[in-house]
Amino acid sequence: VYEQMPVEYLNTLLKQLEKEKRSLENQVKDCALRLEQESRAYRKTNDECCRYLAEMSWVSDSYQVFKRKQMDQLPRMKENLVKMGRYKPVNQ
C-alpha cells in the first residue's frame, strides 16, 4: 500500500506520526508523574491512618484499664460506706 503513495505524502505522514509519538510520550511522562504524586499522597494518608488507629487503640486500652480499676474499687468503697454507717445493704 505504501509503495504506491507519493514520497511527499509519506514524509508528511511520517512527520504527523512523529508528532503524535512525542505527544503520547509526554502523556506517558505526565501520567507517571501524577502516579508518583498520588502514590506519595496515598502513603502519607495511610501512615496517618495507621498512627490514628494506634492512638485510638492506646486510648481504648487506657480507658479499659481505668474502668477495670474503678470496678475493682467498688467493693472497697461499699465496705467503707458500710463501716461509716452511710450505706445499709438491702439484705439486712
PDB file of N, CA and C in Angstrom:
ATOM      1  N   VAL A   1       0.832  -1.188   0.000  1.00  0.00           N
ATOM      2  CA  VAL A   1       0.000   0.000   0.000  1.00  0.00           C
ATOM      3  C   VAL A   1       0.879   1.254   0.000  1.00  0.00           C
ATOM      4  N   TYR A   2       1.905   1.287   0.888  1.00  0.00           N
ATOM      5  CA  TYR A   2       2.740   2.478   0.998  1.00  0.00           C
ATOM      6  C   TYR A   2       3.599   2.701  -0.247  1.00  0.00           C
ATOM      7  N   GLU A   3       3.893   1.606  -0.967  1.00  0.00           N
ATOM      8  CA  GLU A   3       4.727   1.732  -2.160  1.00  0.00           C
ATOM      9  C   GLU A   3       4.060   2.593  -3.231  1.00  0.00           C
ATOM     10  N   GLN A   4       2.759   2.620  -3.231  1.00  0.00           N
ATOM     11  CA  GLN A   4       2.026   3.351  -4.262  1.00  0.00           C
ATOM     12  C   GLN A   4       1.807   4.826  -3.900  1.00  0.00           C
ATOM     13  N   MET A   5       2.109   5.213  -2.660  1.00  0.00           N
ATOM     14  CA  MET A   5       1.875   6.594  -2.224  1.00  0.00           C
ATOM     15  C   MET A   5       3.060   7.469  -2.629  1.00  0.00           C
ATOM     16  N   PRO A   6       2.797   8.747  -2.892  1.00  0.00           N
ATOM     17  CA  PRO A   6       3.899   9.659  -3.235  1.00  0.00           C
ATOM     18  C   PRO A   6       4.799   9.896  -2.019  1.00  0.00           C
ATOM     19  N   VAL A   7       6.074  10.124  -2.289  1.00  0.00           N
ATOM     20  CA  VAL A   7       7.069  10.314  -1.228  1.00  0.00           C
ATOM     21  C   VAL A   7       6.719  11.515  -0.355  1.00  0.00           C
ATOM     22  N   GLU A   8       6.252  12.588  -0.944  1.00  0.00           N
ATOM     23  CA  GLU A   8       5.894  13.780  -0.163  1.00  0.00           C
ATOM     24  C   GLU A   8       4.788  13.465   0.844  1.00  0.00           C
ATOM     25  N   TYR A   9       3.817  12.700   0.437  1.00  0.00           N
ATOM     26  CA  TYR A   9       2.726  12.319   1.342  1.00  0.00           C
ATOM     27  C   TYR A   9       3.258  11.447   2.476  1.00  0.00           C
ATOM     28  N   LEU A  10       4.165  10.513   2.116  1.00  0.00           N
ATOM     29  CA  LEU A  10       4.747   9.644   3.145  1.00  0.00           C
ATOM     30  C   LEU A  10       5.566  10.459   4.142  1.00  0.00           C
ATOM     31  N   ASN A  11       6.307  11.465   3.659  1.00  0.00           N
ATOM     32  CA  ASN A  11       7.073  12.333   4.564  1.00  0.00           C
ATOM     33  C   ASN A  11       6.141  13.113   5.490  1.00  0.00           C
ATOM     34  N   THR A  12       5.041  13.613   4.945  1.00  0.00           N
ATOM     35  CA  THR A  12       4.052  14.326   5.758  1.00  0.00           C
ATOM     36  C   THR A  12       3.448  13.389   6.802  1.00  0.00           C
ATOM     37  N   LEU A  13       3.125  12.193   6.370  1.00  0.00           N
ATOM     38  CA  LEU A  13       2.565  11.196   7.284  1.00  0.00           C
ATOM     39  C   LEU A  13       3.566  10.844   8.381  1.00  0.00           C
ATOM     40  N   LEU A  14       4.844  10.706   8.002  1.00  0.00           N
ATOM     41  CA  LEU A  14       5.894  10.406   8.974  1.00  0.00           C
ATOM     42  C   LEU A  14       6.007  11.518  10.009  1.00  0.00           C
ATOM     43  N   LYS A  15       5.961  12.774   9.566  1.00  0.00           N
ATOM     44  CA  LYS A  15       6.036  13.908  10.494  1.00  0.00           C
ATOM     45  C   LYS A  15       4.840  13.910  11.447  1.00  0.00           C
ATOM     46  N   GLN A  16       3.672  13.613  10.922  1.00  0.00           N
ATOM     47  CA  GLN A  16       2.474  13.553  11.777  1.00  0.00           C
ATOM     48  C   GLN A  16       2.609  12.444  12.823  1.00  0.00           C
ATOM     49  N   LEU A  17       3.126  11.297  12.389  1.00  0.00           N
ATOM     50  CA  LEU A  17       3.295  10.173  13.323  1.00  0.00           C
ATOM     51  C   LEU A  17       4.344  10.495  14.388  1.00  0.00           C
ATOM     52  N   GLU A  18       5.424  11.175  13.989  1.00  0.00           N
ATOM     53  CA  GLU A  18       6.449  11.569  14.968  1.00  0.00           C
ATOM     54  C   GLU A  18       5.879  12.568  15.973  1.00  0.00           C
ATOM     55  N   LYS A  19       5.056  13.498  15.464  1.00  0.00           N
ATOM     56  CA  LYS A  19       4.412  14.476  16.349  1.00  0.00           C
ATOM     57  C   LYS A  19       3.474  13.768  17.331  1.00  0.00           C
ATOM     58  N   GLU A  20       2.705  12.835  16.838  1.00  0.00           N
ATOM     59  CA  GLU A  20       1.798  12.068  17.695  1.00  0.00           C
ATOM     60  C   GLU A  20       2.577  11.238  18.712  1.00  0.00           C
ATOM     61  N   LYS A  21       3.715  10.690  18.268  1.00  0.00           N
ATOM     62  CA  LYS A  21       4.559   9.901  19.173  1.00  0.00           C
ATOM     63  C   LYS A  21       5.066  10.777  20.317  1.00  0.00           C
ATOM     64  N   ARG A  22       5.555  11.993  20.001  1.00  0.00           N
ATOM     65  CA  ARG A  22       6.034  12.905  21.049  1.00  0.00           C
ATOM     66  C   ARG A  22       4.905  13.258  22.013  1.00  0.00           C
ATOM     67  N   SER A  23       3.733  13.498  21.466  1.00  0.00           N
ATOM     68  CA  SER A  23       2.578  13.824  22.304  1.00  0.00           C
ATOM     69  C   SER A  23       2.249  12.666  23.251  1.00  0.00           C
ATOM     70  N   LEU A  24       2.267  11.464  22.723  1.00  0.00           N
ATOM     71  CA  LEU A  24       1.981  10.288  23.557  1.00  0.00           C
ATOM     72  C   LEU A  24       3.071  10.079  24.607  1.00  0.00           C
ATOM     73  N   GLU A  25       4.330  10.314  24.224  1.00  0.00           N
ATOM     74  CA  GLU A  25       5.424  10.190  25.201  1.00  0.00           C
ATOM     75  C   GLU A  25       5.252  11.200  26.328  1.00  0.00           C
ATOM     76  N   ASN A  26       4.847  12.424  25.984  1.00  0.00           N
ATOM     77  CA  ASN A  26       4.604  13.435  27.019  1.00  0.00           C
ATOM     78  C   ASN A  26       3.435  13.039  27.918  1.00  0.00           C
ATOM     79  N   GLN A  27       2.410  12.457  27.335  1.00  0.00           N
ATOM     80  CA  GLN A  27       1.279  11.989  28.141  1.00  0.00           C
ATOM     81  C   GLN A  27       1.715  10.899  29.110  1.00  0.00           C
ATOM     82  N   VAL A  28       2.579   9.997  28.636  1.00  0.00           N
ATOM     83  CA  VAL A  28       3.082   8.926  29.500  1.00  0.00           C
ATOM     84  C   VAL A  28       3.897   9.523  30.647  1.00  0.00           C
ATOM     85  N   LYS A  29       4.747  10.516  30.341  1.00  0.00           N
ATOM     86  CA  LYS A  29       5.542  11.169  31.396  1.00  0.00           C
ATOM     87  C   LYS A  29       4.631  11.848  32.412  1.00  0.00           C
ATOM     88  N   ASP A  30       3.597  12.551  31.911  1.00  0.00           N
ATOM     89  CA  ASP A  30       2.647  13.213  32.813  1.00  0.00           C
ATOM     90  C   ASP A  30       1.927  12.199  33.703  1.00  0.00           C
ATOM     91  N   CYS A  31       1.522  11.095  33.102  1.00  0.00           N
ATOM     92  CA  CYS A  31       0.840  10.048  33.883  1.00  0.00           C
ATOM     93  C   CYS A  31       1.773   9.450  34.926  1.00  0.00           C
ATOM     94  N   ALA A  32       3.030   9.236  34.556  1.00  0.00           N
ATOM     95  CA  ALA A  32       3.999   8.681  35.506  1.00  0.00           C
ATOM     96  C   ALA A  32       4.220   9.646  36.662  1.00  0.00           C
ATOM     97  N   LEU A  33       4.325  10.936  36.362  1.00  0.00           N
ATOM     98  CA  LEU A  33       4.499  11.942  37.409  1.00  0.00           C
ATOM     99  C   LEU A  33       3.278  11.988  38.321  1.00  0.00           C
ATOM    100  N   ARG A  34       2.094  11.997  37.728  1.00  0.00           N
ATOM    101  CA  ARG A  34       0.856  12.016  38.518  1.00  0.00           C
ATOM    102  C   ARG A  34       0.746  10.766  39.390  1.00  0.00           C
ATOM    103  N   LEU A  35       1.115   9.626  38.828  1.00  0.00           N
ATOM    104  CA  LEU A  35       1.074   8.375  39.581  1.00  0.00           C
ATOM    105  C   LEU A  35       2.021   8.430  40.776  1.00  0.00           C
ATOM    106  N   GLU A  36       3.212   8.970  40.575  1.00  0.00           N
ATOM    107  CA  GLU A  36       4.176   9.099  41.673  1.00  0.00           C
ATOM    108  C   GLU A  36       3.633  10.026  42.756  1.00  0.00           C
ATOM    109  N   GLN A  37       3.040  11.147  42.355  1.00  0.00           N
ATOM    110  CA  GLN A  37       2.481  12.088  43.334  1.00  0.00           C
ATOM    111  C   GLN A  37       1.332  11.452  44.109  1.00  0.00           C
ATOM    112  N   GLU A  38       0.466  10.754  43.416  1.00  0.00           N
ATOM    113  CA  GLU A  38      -0.663  10.107  44.091  1.00  0.00           C
ATOM    114  C   GLU A  38      -0.189   8.974  44.990  1.00  0.00           C
ATOM    115  N   SER A  39       0.870   8.305  44.585  1.00  0.00           N
ATOM    116  CA  SER A  39       1.434   7.238  45.407  1.00  0.00           C
ATOM    117  C   SER A  39       1.985   7.809  46.710  1.00  0.00           C
ATOM    118  N   ARG A  40       2.697   8.944  46.607  1.00  0.00           N
ATOM    119  CA  ARG A  40       3.211   9.598  47.819  1.00  0.00           C
ATOM    120  C   ARG A  40       2.064  10.043  48.721  1.00  0.00           C
ATOM    121  N   ALA A  41       1.032  10.625  48.124  1.00  0.00           N
ATOM    122  CA  ALA A  41      -0.122  11.086  48.909  1.00  0.00           C
ATOM    123  C   ALA A  41      -0.812   9.906  49.588  1.00  0.00           C
ATOM    124  N   TYR A  42      -0.925   8.791  48.887  1.00  0.00           N
ATOM    125  CA  TYR A  42      -1.546   7.595  49.468  1.00  0.00           C
ATOM    126  C   TYR A  42      -0.727   7.094  50.651  1.00  0.00           C
ATOM    127  N   ARG A  43       0.596   7.003  50.467  1.00  0.00           N
ATOM    128  CA  ARG A  43       1.443   6.515  51.565  1.00  0.00           C
ATOM    129  C   ARG A  43       1.347   7.430  52.780  1.00  0.00           C
ATOM    130  N   LYS A  44       1.327   8.746  52.540  1.00  0.00           N
ATOM    131  CA  LYS A  44       1.214   9.700  53.645  1.00  0.00           C
ATOM    132  C   LYS A  44      -0.117   9.516  54.376  1.00  0.00           C
ATOM    133  N   THR A  45      -1.197   9.414  53.617  1.00  0.00           N
ATOM    134  CA  THR A  45      -2.521   9.227  54.214  1.00  0.00           C
ATOM    135  C   THR A  45      -2.602   7.899  54.957  1.00  0.00           C
ATOM    136  N   ASN A  46      -2.035   6.864  54.368  1.00  0.00           N
ATOM    137  CA  ASN A  46      -2.049   5.550  55.008  1.00  0.00           C
ATOM    138  C   ASN A  46      -1.257   5.578  56.315  1.00  0.00           C
ATOM    139  N   ASP A  47      -0.100   6.246  56.322  1.00  0.00           N
ATOM    140  CA  ASP A  47       0.689   6.368  57.550  1.00  0.00           C
ATOM    141  C   ASP A  47      -0.087   7.122  58.623  1.00  0.00           C
ATOM    142  N   GLU A  48      -0.760   8.211  58.230  1.00  0.00           N
ATOM    143  CA  GLU A  48      -1.569   8.969  59.188  1.00  0.00           C
ATOM    144  C   GLU A  48      -2.691   8.108  59.751  1.00  0.00           C
ATOM    145  N   CYS A  49      -3.305   7.320  58.895  1.00  0.00           N
ATOM    146  CA  CYS A  49      -4.389   6.432  59.325  1.00  0.00           C
ATOM    147  C   CYS A  49      -3.866   5.413  60.338  1.00  0.00           C
ATOM    148  N   CYS A  50      -2.705   4.835  60.063  1.00  0.00           N
ATOM    149  CA  CYS A  50      -2.122   3.850  60.983  1.00  0.00           C
ATOM    150  C   CYS A  50      -1.799   4.492  62.326  1.00  0.00           C
ATOM    151  N   ARG A  51      -1.242   5.716  62.298  1.00  0.00           N
ATOM    152  CA  ARG A  51      -0.949   6.409  63.556  1.00  0.00           C
ATOM    153  C   ARG A  51      -2.236   6.695  64.325  1.00  0.00           C
ATOM    154  N   TYR A  52      -3.272   7.116  63.615  1.00  0.00           N
ATOM    155  CA  TYR A  52      -4.560   7.411  64.237  1.00  0.00           C
ATOM    156  C   TYR A  52      -5.141   6.156  64.878  1.00  0.00           C
ATOM    157  N   LEU A  53      -5.104   5.037  64.146  1.00  0.00           N
ATOM    158  CA  LEU A  53      -5.641   3.787  64.691  1.00  0.00           C
ATOM    159  C   LEU A  53      -4.843   3.328  65.910  1.00  0.00           C
ATOM    160  N   ALA A  54      -3.526   3.492  65.864  1.00  0.00           N
ATOM    161  CA  ALA A  54      -2.695   3.115  67.009  1.00  0.00           C
ATOM    162  C   ALA A  54      -3.041   3.980  68.221  1.00  0.00           C
ATOM    163  N   GLU A  55      -3.238   5.270  67.985  1.00  0.00           N
ATOM    164  CA  GLU A  55      -3.595   6.165  69.082  1.00  0.00           C
ATOM    165  C   GLU A  55      -4.970   5.815  69.642  1.00  0.00           C
ATOM    166  N   MET A  56      -5.914   5.515  68.764  1.00  0.00           N
ATOM    167  CA  MET A  56      -7.248   5.128  69.219  1.00  0.00           C
ATOM    168  C   MET A  56      -7.190   3.838  70.035  1.00  0.00           C
ATOM    169  N   SER A  57      -6.374   2.903  69.609  1.00  0.00           N
ATOM    170  CA  SER A  57      -6.220   1.650  70.338  1.00  0.00           C
ATOM    171  C   SER A  57      -5.628   1.912  71.719  1.00  0.00           C
ATOM    172  N   TRP A  58      -4.619   2.782  71.773  1.00  0.00           N
ATOM    173  CA  TRP A  58      -3.989   3.106  73.050  1.00  0.00           C
ATOM    174  C   TRP A  58      -5.000   3.769  73.983  1.00  0.00           C
ATOM    175  N   VAL A  59      -5.791   4.712  73.457  1.00  0.00           N
ATOM    176  CA  VAL A  59      -6.801   5.395  74.276  1.00  0.00           C
ATOM    177  C   VAL A  59      -7.841   4.392  74.766  1.00  0.00           C
ATOM    178  N   SER A  60      -8.269   3.504  73.890  1.00  0.00           N
ATOM    179  CA  SER A  60      -9.261   2.499  74.260  1.00  0.00           C
ATOM    180  C   SER A  60      -8.716   1.579  75.353  1.00  0.00           C
ATOM    181  N   ASP A  61      -7.473   1.133  75.185  1.00  0.00           N
ATOM    182  CA  ASP A  61      -6.858   0.273  76.201  1.00  0.00           C
ATOM    183  C   ASP A  61      -6.741   1.000  77.533  1.00  0.00           C
ATOM    184  N   SER A  62      -6.336   2.265  77.486  1.00  0.00           N
ATOM    185  CA  SER A  62      -6.208   3.049  78.719  1.00  0.00           C
ATOM    186  C   SER A  62      -7.558   3.193  79.402  1.00  0.00           C
ATOM    187  N   TYR A  63      -8.602   3.419  78.618  1.00  0.00           N
ATOM    188  CA  TYR A  63      -9.943   3.557  79.176  1.00  0.00           C
ATOM    189  C   TYR A  63     -10.387   2.246  79.822  1.00  0.00           C
ATOM    190  N   GLN A  64     -10.102   1.122  79.178  1.00  0.00           N
ATOM    191  CA  GLN A  64     -10.476  -0.181  79.737  1.00  0.00           C
ATOM    192  C   GLN A  64      -9.764  -0.419  81.070  1.00  0.00           C
ATOM    193  N   VAL A  65      -8.486  -0.055  81.148  1.00  0.00           N
ATOM    194  CA  VAL A  65      -7.743  -0.197  82.407  1.00  0.00           C
ATOM    195  C   VAL A  65      -8.379   0.685  83.474  1.00  0.00           C
ATOM    196  N   PHE A  66      -8.725   1.919  83.125  1.00  0.00           N
ATOM    197  CA  PHE A  66      -9.360   2.842  84.056  1.00  0.00           C
ATOM    198  C   PHE A  66     -10.682   2.272  84.572  1.00  0.00           C
ATOM    199  N   LYS A  67     -11.516   1.742  83.667  1.00  0.00           N
ATOM    200  CA  LYS A  67     -12.803   1.177  84.071  1.00  0.00           C
ATOM    201  C   LYS A  67     -12.614  -0.040  84.977  1.00  0.00           C
ATOM    202  N   ARG A  68     -11.619  -0.884  84.650  1.00  0.00           N
ATOM    203  CA  ARG A  68     -11.360  -2.059  85.498  1.00  0.00           C
ATOM    204  C   ARG A  68     -10.959  -1.632  86.904  1.00  0.00           C
ATOM    205  N   LYS A  69     -10.122  -0.616  87.003  1.00  0.00           N
ATOM    206  CA  LYS A  69      -9.703  -0.130  88.324  1.00  0.00           C
ATOM    207  C   LYS A  69     -10.904   0.400  89.097  1.00  0.00           C
ATOM    208  N   GLN A  70     -11.784   1.119  88.396  1.00  0.00           N
ATOM    209  CA  GLN A  70     -12.987   1.631  89.059  1.00  0.00           C
ATOM    210  C   GLN A  70     -13.848   0.483  89.568  1.00  0.00           C
ATOM    211  N   MET A  71     -14.038  -0.541  88.743  1.00  0.00           N
ATOM    212  CA  MET A  71     -14.863  -1.683  89.137  1.00  0.00           C
ATOM    213  C   MET A  71     -14.223  -2.432  90.305  1.00  0.00           C
ATOM    214  N   ASP A  72     -12.892  -2.520  90.316  1.00  0.00           N
ATOM    215  CA  ASP A  72     -12.202  -3.182  91.417  1.00  0.00           C
ATOM    216  C   ASP A  72     -12.363  -2.400  92.717  1.00  0.00           C
ATOM    217  N   GLN A  73     -12.495  -1.088  92.624  1.00  0.00           N
ATOM    218  CA  GLN A  73     -12.597  -0.257  93.820  1.00  0.00           C
ATOM    219  C   GLN A  73     -14.016  -0.212  94.384  1.00  0.00           C
ATOM    220  N   LEU A  74     -15.022  -0.577  93.617  1.00  0.00           N
ATOM    221  CA  LEU A  74     -16.408  -0.502  94.086  1.00  0.00           C
ATOM    222  C   LEU A  74     -16.655  -1.291  95.373  1.00  0.00           C
ATOM    223  N   PRO A  75     -16.218  -2.565  95.461  1.00  0.00           N
ATOM    224  CA  PRO A  75     -16.466  -3.288  96.719  1.00  0.00           C
ATOM    225  C   PRO A  75     -15.812  -2.610  97.923  1.00  0.00           C
ATOM    226  N   ARG A  76     -14.601  -2.081  97.739  1.00  0.00           N
ATOM    227  CA  ARG A  76     -13.931  -1.404  98.857  1.00  0.00           C
ATOM    228  C   ARG A  76     -14.670  -0.127  99.240  1.00  0.00           C
ATOM    229  N   MET A  77     -15.153   0.601  98.251  1.00  0.00           N
ATOM    230  CA  MET A  77     -15.907   1.819  98.549  1.00  0.00           C
ATOM    231  C   MET A  77     -17.190   1.473  99.299  1.00  0.00           C
ATOM    232  N   LYS A  78     -17.821   0.376  98.908  1.00  0.00           N
ATOM    233  CA  LYS A  78     -19.040  -0.069  99.575  1.00  0.00           C
ATOM    234  C   LYS A  78     -18.736  -0.424 101.036  1.00  0.00           C
ATOM    235  N   GLU A  79     -17.628  -1.158 101.232  1.00  0.00           N
ATOM    236  CA  GLU A  79     -17.237  -1.544 102.598  1.00  0.00           C
ATOM    237  C   GLU A  79     -16.986  -0.310 103.450  1.00  0.00           C
ATOM    238  N   ASN A  80     -16.315   0.675 102.892  1.00  0.00           N
ATOM    239  CA  ASN A  80     -16.032   1.902 103.644  1.00  0.00           C
ATOM    240  C   ASN A  80     -17.321   2.624 104.018  1.00  0.00           C
ATOM    241  N   LEU A  81     -18.283   2.663 103.094  1.00  0.00           N
ATOM    242  CA  LEU A  81     -19.556   3.315 103.399  1.00  0.00           C
ATOM    243  C   LEU A  81     -20.309   2.557 104.491  1.00  0.00           C
ATOM    244  N   VAL A  82     -20.254   1.217 104.450  1.00  0.00           N
ATOM    245  CA  VAL A  82     -20.915   0.417 105.482  1.00  0.00           C
ATOM    246  C   VAL A  82     -20.259   0.684 106.829  1.00  0.00           C
ATOM    247  N   LYS A  83     -18.917   0.727 106.858  1.00  0.00           N
ATOM    248  CA  LYS A  83     -18.195   0.982 108.111  1.00  0.00           C
ATOM    249  C   LYS A  83     -18.544   2.349 108.675  1.00  0.00           C
ATOM    250  N   MET A  84     -18.726   3.319 107.778  1.00  0.00           N
ATOM    251  CA  MET A  84     -19.035   4.672 108.237  1.00  0.00           C
ATOM    252  C   MET A  84     -20.522   4.820 108.552  1.00  0.00           C
ATOM    253  N   GLY A  85     -21.320   3.807 108.243  1.00  0.00           N
ATOM    254  CA  GLY A  85     -22.739   3.849 108.544  1.00  0.00           C
ATOM    255  C   GLY A  85     -23.567   4.619 107.527  1.00  0.00           C
ATOM    256  N   ARG A  86     -23.031   4.904 106.400  1.00  0.00           N
ATOM    257  CA  ARG A  86     -23.760   5.667 105.384  1.00  0.00           C
ATOM    258  C   ARG A  86     -24.459   4.773 104.372  1.00  0.00           C
ATOM    259  N   TYR A  87     -24.203   3.497 104.444  1.00  0.00           N
ATOM    260  CA  TYR A  87     -24.792   2.580 103.468  1.00  0.00           C
ATOM    261  C   TYR A  87     -25.278   1.356 104.203  1.00  0.00           C
ATOM    262  N   LYS A  88     -26.520   0.979 103.971  1.00  0.00           N
ATOM    263  CA  LYS A  88     -27.051  -0.223 104.598  1.00  0.00           C
ATOM    264  C   LYS A  88     -27.434  -1.184 103.486  1.00  0.00           C
ATOM    265  N   PRO A  89     -26.824  -2.357 103.489  1.00  0.00           N
ATOM    266  CA  PRO A  89     -27.153  -3.340 102.448  1.00  0.00           C
ATOM    267  C   PRO A  89     -28.633  -3.697 102.480  1.00  0.00           C
ATOM    268  N   VAL A  90     -29.213  -4.029 101.355  1.00  0.00           N
ATOM    269  CA  VAL A  90     -30.635  -4.341 101.214  1.00  0.00           C
ATOM    270  C   VAL A  90     -30.975  -5.635 101.940  1.00  0.00           C
ATOM    271  N   ASN A  91     -30.074  -6.597 102.011  1.00  0.00           N
ATOM    272  CA  ASN A  91     -30.338  -7.912 102.598  1.00  0.00           C
ATOM    273  C   ASN A  91     -30.528  -7.851 104.103  1.00  0.00           C
ATOM    274  N   GLN A  92     -30.145  -6.810 104.778  1.00  0.00           N
ATOM    275  CA  GLN A  92     -30.245  -6.777 106.240  1.00  0.00           C
ATOM    276  C   GLN A  92     -31.557  -6.263 106.720  1.00  0.00           C
TER     277      GLN A  92
END
